[in-house]
Amino acid sequence: MSHDTASPKKLIYMANQIGKFFAPQAHDKAVTGIADHLAKFWALTMRQKIVQHLDEGGENLDPLVKEAVERLRATLPDEAVHSVKV
């Protein structure tokens, strides 16, 4: 897999790996943990791209990750999401 953290495939892989870490926790705690991790440790451009991927259907994102990215989306202004180039 490419080391380019900006590629959609890499972002999906990374987000799903984070999701696997939090998956054993209770549902709401897992979704919150994933969203918090993305917000704290991912660069703005990475967050924008994963949100844009979700807006385009979220293909290959695990269900918990999809929910977390939906929460993350709520924290980003619309102009931040729509200004990113994939």
PDB file of N, CA and C in Angstrom:
ATOM      1  N   MET A   1       0.843  -1.179   0.000  1.00  0.00           N
ATOM      2  CA  MET A   1       0.000   0.000   0.000  1.00  0.00           C
ATOM      3  C   MET A   1       0.882   1.233   0.000  1.00  0.00           C
ATOM      4  N   SER A   2       0.454   2.231  -0.704  1.00  0.00           N
ATOM      5  CA  SER A   2       1.196   3.481  -0.812  1.00  0.00           C
ATOM      6  C   SER A   2       1.354   4.150   0.543  1.00  0.00           C
ATOM      7  N   HIS A   3       2.439   4.890   0.701  1.00  0.00           N
ATOM      8  CA  HIS A   3       2.666   5.642   1.936  1.00  0.00           C
ATOM      9  C   HIS A   3       2.036   7.019   1.871  1.00  0.00           C
ATOM     10  N   ASP A   4       1.362   7.339   0.774  1.00  0.00           N
ATOM     11  CA  ASP A   4       0.702   8.622   0.603  1.00  0.00           C
ATOM     12  C   ASP A   4      -0.563   8.638   1.450  1.00  0.00           C
ATOM     13  N   THR A   5      -0.525   9.371   2.571  1.00  0.00           N
ATOM     14  CA  THR A   5      -1.691   9.400   3.461  1.00  0.00           C
ATOM     15  C   THR A   5      -2.837  10.204   2.872  1.00  0.00           C
ATOM     16  N   ALA A   6      -2.623  10.842   1.744  1.00  0.00           N
ATOM     17  CA  ALA A   6      -3.690  11.621   1.129  1.00  0.00           C
ATOM     18  C   ALA A   6      -4.530  10.798   0.154  1.00  0.00           C
ATOM     19  N   SER A   7      -4.067   9.615  -0.225  1.00  0.00           N
ATOM     20  CA  SER A   7      -4.845   8.817  -1.169  1.00  0.00           C
ATOM     21  C   SER A   7      -6.088   8.266  -0.480  1.00  0.00           C
ATOM     22  N   PRO A   8      -7.223   8.271  -1.187  1.00  0.00           N
ATOM     23  CA  PRO A   8      -8.455   7.763  -0.570  1.00  0.00           C
ATOM     24  C   PRO A   8      -8.313   6.339  -0.034  1.00  0.00           C
ATOM     25  N   LYS A   9      -7.654   5.463  -0.779  1.00  0.00           N
ATOM     26  CA  LYS A   9      -7.502   4.081  -0.309  1.00  0.00           C
ATOM     27  C   LYS A   9      -6.754   4.030   1.014  1.00  0.00           C
ATOM     28  N   LYS A  10      -5.704   4.827   1.140  1.00  0.00           N
ATOM     29  CA  LYS A  10      -4.917   4.847   2.374  1.00  0.00           C
ATOM     30  C   LYS A  10      -5.736   5.412   3.528  1.00  0.00           C
ATOM     31  N   LEU A  11      -6.486   6.469   3.273  1.00  0.00           N
ATOM     32  CA  LEU A  11      -7.323   7.058   4.320  1.00  0.00           C
ATOM     33  C   LEU A  11      -8.389   6.069   4.791  1.00  0.00           C
ATOM     34  N   ILE A  12      -8.997   5.354   3.861  1.00  0.00           N
ATOM     35  CA  ILE A  12     -10.003   4.348   4.218  1.00  0.00           C
ATOM     36  C   ILE A  12      -9.361   3.262   5.070  1.00  0.00           C
ATOM     37  N   TYR A  13      -8.208   2.791   4.647  1.00  0.00           N
ATOM     38  CA  TYR A  13      -7.494   1.756   5.391  1.00  0.00           C
ATOM     39  C   TYR A  13      -7.175   2.240   6.809  1.00  0.00           C
ATOM     40  N   MET A  14      -6.625   3.432   6.906  1.00  0.00           N
ATOM     41  CA  MET A  14      -6.245   3.974   8.215  1.00  0.00           C
ATOM     42  C   MET A  14      -7.470   4.160   9.120  1.00  0.00           C
ATOM     43  N   ALA A  15      -8.544   4.703   8.565  1.00  0.00           N
ATOM     44  CA  ALA A  15      -9.761   4.923   9.357  1.00  0.00           C
ATOM     45  C   ALA A  15     -10.338   3.594   9.836  1.00  0.00           C
ATOM     46  N   ASN A  16     -10.351   2.587   8.977  1.00  0.00           N
ATOM     47  CA  ASN A  16     -10.869   1.280   9.377  1.00  0.00           C
ATOM     48  C   ASN A  16      -9.985   0.627  10.437  1.00  0.00           C
ATOM     49  N   GLN A  17      -8.675   0.846  10.378  1.00  0.00           N
ATOM     50  CA  GLN A  17      -7.774   0.318  11.409  1.00  0.00           C
ATOM     51  C   GLN A  17      -8.086   0.973  12.761  1.00  0.00           C
ATOM     52  N   ILE A  18      -8.323   2.265  12.756  1.00  0.00           N
ATOM     53  CA  ILE A  18      -8.711   2.964  13.984  1.00  0.00           C
ATOM     54  C   ILE A  18     -10.031   2.394  14.479  1.00  0.00           C
ATOM     55  N   GLY A  19     -10.956   2.160  13.561  1.00  0.00           N
ATOM     56  CA  GLY A  19     -12.242   1.572  13.924  1.00  0.00           C
ATOM     57  C   GLY A  19     -12.099   0.204  14.570  1.00  0.00           C
ATOM     58  N   LYS A  20     -11.191  -0.610  14.059  1.00  0.00           N
ATOM     59  CA  LYS A  20     -10.966  -1.941  14.630  1.00  0.00           C
ATOM     60  C   LYS A  20     -10.453  -1.846  16.069  1.00  0.00           C
ATOM     61  N   PHE A  21      -9.637  -0.831  16.352  1.00  0.00           N
ATOM     62  CA  PHE A  21      -9.128  -0.640  17.706  1.00  0.00           C
ATOM     63  C   PHE A  21     -10.275  -0.342  18.673  1.00  0.00           C
ATOM     64  N   PHE A  22     -11.197   0.515  18.253  1.00  0.00           N
ATOM     65  CA  PHE A  22     -12.290   0.940  19.134  1.00  0.00           C
ATOM     66  C   PHE A  22     -13.493  -0.003  19.110  1.00  0.00           C
ATOM     67  N   ALA A  23     -13.578  -0.902  18.144  1.00  0.00           N
ATOM     68  CA  ALA A  23     -14.749  -1.763  17.957  1.00  0.00           C
ATOM     69  C   ALA A  23     -15.151  -2.581  19.189  1.00  0.00           C
ATOM     70  N   PRO A  24     -14.212  -3.079  20.006  1.00  0.00           N
ATOM     71  CA  PRO A  24     -14.634  -3.867  21.166  1.00  0.00           C
ATOM     72  C   PRO A  24     -15.399  -3.067  22.225  1.00  0.00           C
ATOM     73  N   GLN A  25     -15.336  -1.758  22.157  1.00  0.00           N
ATOM     74  CA  GLN A  25     -16.035  -0.932  23.137  1.00  0.00           C
ATOM     75  C   GLN A  25     -17.522  -0.864  22.794  1.00  0.00           C
ATOM     76  N   ALA A  26     -18.312  -0.370  23.734  1.00  0.00           N
ATOM     77  CA  ALA A  26     -19.734  -0.171  23.470  1.00  0.00           C
ATOM     78  C   ALA A  26     -19.896   0.721  22.243  1.00  0.00           C
ATOM     79  N   HIS A  27     -20.977   0.522  21.502  1.00  0.00           N
ATOM     80  CA  HIS A  27     -21.183   1.196  20.219  1.00  0.00           C
ATOM     81  C   HIS A  27     -20.928   2.709  20.285  1.00  0.00           C
ATOM     82  N   ASP A  28     -21.637   3.405  21.167  1.00  0.00           N
ATOM     83  CA  ASP A  28     -21.500   4.865  21.221  1.00  0.00           C
ATOM     84  C   ASP A  28     -20.094   5.290  21.631  1.00  0.00           C
ATOM     85  N   LYS A  29     -19.504   4.553  22.531  1.00  0.00           N
ATOM     86  CA  LYS A  29     -18.141   4.871  22.967  1.00  0.00           C
ATOM     87  C   LYS A  29     -17.150   4.647  21.822  1.00  0.00           C
ATOM     88  N   ALA A  30     -17.374   3.610  21.036  1.00  0.00           N
ATOM     89  CA  ALA A  30     -16.493   3.322  19.902  1.00  0.00           C
ATOM     90  C   ALA A  30     -16.595   4.421  18.843  1.00  0.00           C
ATOM     91  N   VAL A  31     -17.803   4.812  18.503  1.00  0.00           N
ATOM     92  CA  VAL A  31     -17.996   5.860  17.493  1.00  0.00           C
ATOM     93  C   VAL A  31     -17.372   7.171  17.969  1.00  0.00           C
ATOM     94  N   THR A  32     -17.590   7.506  19.231  1.00  0.00           N
ATOM     95  CA  THR A  32     -17.001   8.719  19.794  1.00  0.00           C
ATOM     96  C   THR A  32     -15.480   8.635  19.790  1.00  0.00           C
ATOM     97  N   GLY A  33     -14.933   7.492  20.156  1.00  0.00           N
ATOM     98  CA  GLY A  33     -13.482   7.316  20.175  1.00  0.00           C
ATOM     99  C   GLY A  33     -12.866   7.466  18.802  1.00  0.00           C
ATOM    100  N   ILE A  34     -13.509   6.907  17.794  1.00  0.00           N
ATOM    101  CA  ILE A  34     -13.005   7.012  16.415  1.00  0.00           C
ATOM    102  C   ILE A  34     -13.050   8.482  15.967  1.00  0.00           C
ATOM    103  N   ALA A  35     -14.187   9.120  16.164  1.00  0.00           N
ATOM    104  CA  ALA A  35     -14.335  10.520  15.750  1.00  0.00           C
ATOM    105  C   ALA A  35     -13.326  11.416  16.458  1.00  0.00           C
ATOM    106  N   ASP A  36     -13.150  11.199  17.767  1.00  0.00           N
ATOM    107  CA  ASP A  36     -12.182  11.996  18.526  1.00  0.00           C
ATOM    108  C   ASP A  36     -10.764  11.776  18.023  1.00  0.00           C
ATOM    109  N   HIS A  37     -10.425  10.540  17.733  1.00  0.00           N
ATOM    110  CA  HIS A  37      -9.080  10.232  17.230  1.00  0.00           C
ATOM    111  C   HIS A  37      -8.833  10.947  15.893  1.00  0.00           C
ATOM    112  N   LEU A  38      -9.791  10.870  14.994  1.00  0.00           N
ATOM    113  CA  LEU A  38      -9.638  11.530  13.700  1.00  0.00           C
ATOM    114  C   LEU A  38      -9.498  13.041  13.880  1.00  0.00           C
ATOM    115  N   ALA A  39     -10.302  13.612  14.762  1.00  0.00           N
ATOM    116  CA  ALA A  39     -10.267  15.058  14.987  1.00  0.00           C
ATOM    117  C   ALA A  39      -8.941  15.506  15.604  1.00  0.00           C
ATOM    118  N   LYS A  40      -8.392  14.702  16.498  1.00  0.00           N
ATOM    119  CA  LYS A  40      -7.170  15.093  17.209  1.00  0.00           C
ATOM    120  C   LYS A  40      -5.895  14.812  16.436  1.00  0.00           C
ATOM    121  N   PHE A  41      -5.868  13.721  15.696  1.00  0.00           N
ATOM    122  CA  PHE A  41      -4.600  13.255  15.142  1.00  0.00           C
ATOM    123  C   PHE A  41      -4.493  13.321  13.619  1.00  0.00           C
ATOM    124  N   TRP A  42      -5.572  13.564  12.934  1.00  0.00           N
ATOM    125  CA  TRP A  42      -5.513  13.665  11.474  1.00  0.00           C
ATOM    126  C   TRP A  42      -5.428  15.133  11.073  1.00  0.00           C
ATOM    127  N   ALA A  43      -4.614  15.407  10.065  1.00  0.00           N
ATOM    128  CA  ALA A  43      -4.513  16.757   9.512  1.00  0.00           C
ATOM    129  C   ALA A  43      -5.864  17.158   8.912  1.00  0.00           C
ATOM    130  N   LEU A  44      -6.095  18.462   8.853  1.00  0.00           N
ATOM    131  CA  LEU A  44      -7.362  18.953   8.314  1.00  0.00           C
ATOM    132  C   LEU A  44      -7.631  18.403   6.916  1.00  0.00           C
ATOM    133  N   THR A  45      -6.623  18.362   6.074  1.00  0.00           N
ATOM    134  CA  THR A  45      -6.850  17.859   4.709  1.00  0.00           C
ATOM    135  C   THR A  45      -7.260  16.393   4.715  1.00  0.00           C
ATOM    136  N   MET A  46      -6.709  15.604   5.624  1.00  0.00           N
ATOM    137  CA  MET A  46      -7.092  14.190   5.721  1.00  0.00           C
ATOM    138  C   MET A  46      -8.546  14.077   6.173  1.00  0.00           C
ATOM    139  N   ARG A  47      -8.938  14.886   7.171  1.00  0.00           N
ATOM    140  CA  ARG A  47     -10.321  14.870   7.644  1.00  0.00           C
ATOM    141  C   ARG A  47     -11.277  15.309   6.538  1.00  0.00           C
ATOM    142  N   GLN A  48     -10.871  16.333   5.806  1.00  0.00           N
ATOM    143  CA  GLN A  48     -11.717  16.803   4.705  1.00  0.00           C
ATOM    144  C   GLN A  48     -11.917  15.700   3.666  1.00  0.00           C
ATOM    145  N   LYS A  49     -10.844  15.011   3.338  1.00  0.00           N
ATOM    146  CA  LYS A  49     -10.935  13.979   2.298  1.00  0.00           C
ATOM    147  C   LYS A  49     -11.767  12.779   2.738  1.00  0.00           C
ATOM    148  N   ILE A  50     -11.657  12.378   4.006  1.00  0.00           N
ATOM    149  CA  ILE A  50     -12.460  11.233   4.452  1.00  0.00           C
ATOM    150  C   ILE A  50     -13.940  11.623   4.528  1.00  0.00           C
ATOM    151  N   VAL A  51     -14.227  12.872   4.896  1.00  0.00           N
ATOM    152  CA  VAL A  51     -15.606  13.353   4.902  1.00  0.00           C
ATOM    153  C   VAL A  51     -16.138  13.418   3.473  1.00  0.00           C
ATOM    154  N   GLN A  52     -15.334  13.911   2.564  1.00  0.00           N
ATOM    155  CA  GLN A  52     -15.759  13.959   1.161  1.00  0.00           C
ATOM    156  C   GLN A  52     -16.019  12.548   0.633  1.00  0.00           C
ATOM    157  N   HIS A  53     -15.163  11.598   1.023  1.00  0.00           N
ATOM    158  CA  HIS A  53     -15.380  10.207   0.606  1.00  0.00           C
ATOM    159  C   HIS A  53     -16.726   9.702   1.138  1.00  0.00           C
ATOM    160  N   LEU A  54     -17.036  10.021   2.383  1.00  0.00           N
ATOM    161  CA  LEU A  54     -18.326   9.624   2.945  1.00  0.00           C
ATOM    162  C   LEU A  54     -19.464  10.265   2.159  1.00  0.00           C
ATOM    163  N   ASP A  55     -19.325  11.547   1.839  1.00  0.00           N
ATOM    164  CA  ASP A  55     -20.363  12.253   1.080  1.00  0.00           C
ATOM    165  C   ASP A  55     -20.581  11.634  -0.303  1.00  0.00           C
ATOM    166  N   GLU A  56     -19.548  10.975  -0.815  1.00  0.00           N
ATOM    167  CA  GLU A  56     -19.647  10.322  -2.125  1.00  0.00           C
ATOM    168  C   GLU A  56     -20.079   8.860  -1.999  1.00  0.00           C
ATOM    169  N   GLY A  57     -20.506   8.450  -0.818  1.00  0.00           N
ATOM    170  CA  GLY A  57     -21.021   7.102  -0.615  1.00  0.00           C
ATOM    171  C   GLY A  57     -20.299   6.300   0.444  1.00  0.00           C
ATOM    172  N   GLY A  58     -19.078   6.666   0.762  1.00  0.00           N
ATOM    173  CA  GLY A  58     -18.339   6.006   1.837  1.00  0.00           C
ATOM    174  C   GLY A  58     -17.967   4.567   1.557  1.00  0.00           C
ATOM    175  N   GLU A  59     -17.772   4.227   0.296  1.00  0.00           N
ATOM    176  CA  GLU A  59     -17.444   2.857  -0.073  1.00  0.00           C
ATOM    177  C   GLU A  59     -16.240   2.341   0.720  1.00  0.00           C
ATOM    178  N   ASN A  60     -16.365   1.132   1.238  1.00  0.00           N
ATOM    179  CA  ASN A  60     -15.337   0.395   1.980  1.00  0.00           C
ATOM    180  C   ASN A  60     -15.068   0.908   3.390  1.00  0.00           C
ATOM    181  N   LEU A  61     -15.824   1.873   3.862  1.00  0.00           N
ATOM    182  CA  LEU A  61     -15.689   2.283   5.255  1.00  0.00           C
ATOM    183  C   LEU A  61     -16.525   1.353   6.125  1.00  0.00           C
ATOM    184  N   ASP A  62     -15.950   0.881   7.216  1.00  0.00           N
ATOM    185  CA  ASP A  62     -16.688   0.047   8.155  1.00  0.00           C
ATOM    186  C   ASP A  62     -17.837   0.861   8.765  1.00  0.00           C
ATOM    187  N   PRO A  63     -18.926   0.204   9.181  1.00  0.00           N
ATOM    188  CA  PRO A  63     -20.096   0.924   9.704  1.00  0.00           C
ATOM    189  C   PRO A  63     -19.790   1.872  10.866  1.00  0.00           C
ATOM    190  N   LEU A  64     -18.988   1.439  11.835  1.00  0.00           N
ATOM    191  CA  LEU A  64     -18.646   2.326  12.957  1.00  0.00           C
ATOM    192  C   LEU A  64     -17.874   3.545  12.462  1.00  0.00           C
ATOM    193  N   VAL A  65     -17.008   3.339  11.507  1.00  0.00           N
ATOM    194  CA  VAL A  65     -16.204   4.424  10.954  1.00  0.00           C
ATOM    195  C   VAL A  65     -17.106   5.403  10.207  1.00  0.00           C
ATOM    196  N   LYS A  66     -18.071   4.890   9.463  1.00  0.00           N
ATOM    197  CA  LYS A  66     -19.012   5.771   8.763  1.00  0.00           C
ATOM    198  C   LYS A  66     -19.724   6.688   9.757  1.00  0.00           C
ATOM    199  N   GLU A  67     -20.191   6.114  10.852  1.00  0.00           N
ATOM    200  CA  GLU A  67     -20.871   6.925  11.864  1.00  0.00           C
ATOM    201  C   GLU A  67     -19.929   7.969  12.456  1.00  0.00           C
ATOM    202  N   ALA A  68     -18.695   7.563  12.712  1.00  0.00           N
ATOM    203  CA  ALA A  68     -17.711   8.487  13.272  1.00  0.00           C
ATOM    204  C   ALA A  68     -17.408   9.620  12.304  1.00  0.00           C
ATOM    205  N   VAL A  69     -17.298   9.301  11.029  1.00  0.00           N
ATOM    206  CA  VAL A  69     -17.008  10.334  10.027  1.00  0.00           C
ATOM    207  C   VAL A  69     -18.212  11.266   9.880  1.00  0.00           C
ATOM    208  N   GLU A  70     -19.415  10.744  10.053  1.00  0.00           N
ATOM    209  CA  GLU A  70     -20.601  11.609  10.047  1.00  0.00           C
ATOM    210  C   GLU A  70     -20.512  12.614  11.197  1.00  0.00           C
ATOM    211  N   ARG A  71     -20.102  12.155  12.369  1.00  0.00           N
ATOM    212  CA  ARG A  71     -19.915  13.067  13.510  1.00  0.00           C
ATOM    213  C   ARG A  71     -18.809  14.069  13.215  1.00  0.00           C
ATOM    214  N   LEU A  72     -17.739  13.585  12.635  1.00  0.00           N
ATOM    215  CA  LEU A  72     -16.617  14.452  12.294  1.00  0.00           C
ATOM    216  C   LEU A  72     -17.076  15.523  11.302  1.00  0.00           C
ATOM    217  N   ARG A  73     -17.889  15.124  10.348  1.00  0.00           N
ATOM    218  CA  ARG A  73     -18.380  16.068   9.340  1.00  0.00           C
ATOM    219  C   ARG A  73     -19.091  17.231   9.999  1.00  0.00           C
ATOM    220  N   ALA A  74     -19.837  16.959  11.053  1.00  0.00           N
ATOM    221  CA  ALA A  74     -20.591  18.002  11.749  1.00  0.00           C
ATOM    222  C   ALA A  74     -19.674  19.048  12.383  1.00  0.00           C
ATOM    223  N   THR A  75     -18.417  18.713  12.575  1.00  0.00           N
ATOM    224  CA  THR A  75     -17.480  19.652  13.196  1.00  0.00           C
ATOM    225  C   THR A  75     -16.749  20.508  12.165  1.00  0.00           C
ATOM    226  N   LEU A  76     -16.884  20.161  10.885  1.00  0.00           N
ATOM    227  CA  LEU A  76     -16.191  20.906   9.830  1.00  0.00           C
ATOM    228  C   LEU A  76     -17.168  21.846   9.136  1.00  0.00           C
ATOM    229  N   PRO A  77     -16.745  23.093   8.906  1.00  0.00           N
ATOM    230  CA  PRO A  77     -17.624  23.986   8.140  1.00  0.00           C
ATOM    231  C   PRO A  77     -17.783  23.477   6.710  1.00  0.00           C
ATOM    232  N   ASP A  78     -18.940  23.721   6.118  1.00  0.00           N
ATOM    233  CA  ASP A  78     -19.210  23.249   4.750  1.00  0.00           C
ATOM    234  C   ASP A  78     -18.133  23.681   3.772  1.00  0.00           C
ATOM    235  N   GLU A  79     -17.641  24.915   3.907  1.00  0.00           N
ATOM    236  CA  GLU A  79     -16.630  25.384   2.956  1.00  0.00           C
ATOM    237  C   GLU A  79     -15.331  24.592   3.083  1.00  0.00           C
ATOM    238  N   ALA A  80     -15.042  24.070   4.266  1.00  0.00           N
ATOM    239  CA  ALA A  80     -13.832  23.259   4.445  1.00  0.00           C
ATOM    240  C   ALA A  80     -13.979  21.919   3.732  1.00  0.00           C
ATOM    241  N   VAL A  81     -15.164  21.356   3.756  1.00  0.00           N
ATOM    242  CA  VAL A  81     -15.399  20.065   3.113  1.00  0.00           C
ATOM    243  C   VAL A  81     -15.403  20.206   1.596  1.00  0.00           C
ATOM    244  N   HIS A  82     -16.023  21.252   1.106  1.00  0.00           N
ATOM    245  CA  HIS A  82     -16.171  21.415  -0.339  1.00  0.00           C
ATOM    246  C   HIS A  82     -14.949  22.018  -1.020  1.00  0.00           C
ATOM    247  N   SER A  83     -13.998  22.499  -0.248  1.00  0.00           N
ATOM    248  CA  SER A  83     -12.815  23.125  -0.846  1.00  0.00           C
ATOM    249  C   SER A  83     -11.681  22.132  -1.120  1.00  0.00           C
ATOM    250  N   VAL A  84     -11.807  20.909  -0.634  1.00  0.00           N
ATOM    251  CA  VAL A  84     -10.733  19.928  -0.777  1.00  0.00           C
ATOM    252  C   VAL A  84     -10.766  19.300  -2.172  1.00  0.00           C
ATOM    253  N   LYS A  85      -9.591  19.056  -2.688  1.00  0.00           N
ATOM    254  CA  LYS A  85      -9.470  18.374  -3.982  1.00  0.00           C
ATOM    255  C   LYS A  85      -8.946  16.977  -3.737  1.00  0.00           C
ATOM    256  N   VAL A  86      -9.614  15.995  -4.329  1.00  0.00           N
ATOM    257  CA  VAL A  86      -9.200  14.614  -4.156  1.00  0.00           C
ATOM    258  C   VAL A  86      -8.231  14.215  -5.232  1.00  0.00           C
TER     259      VAL A  86
END
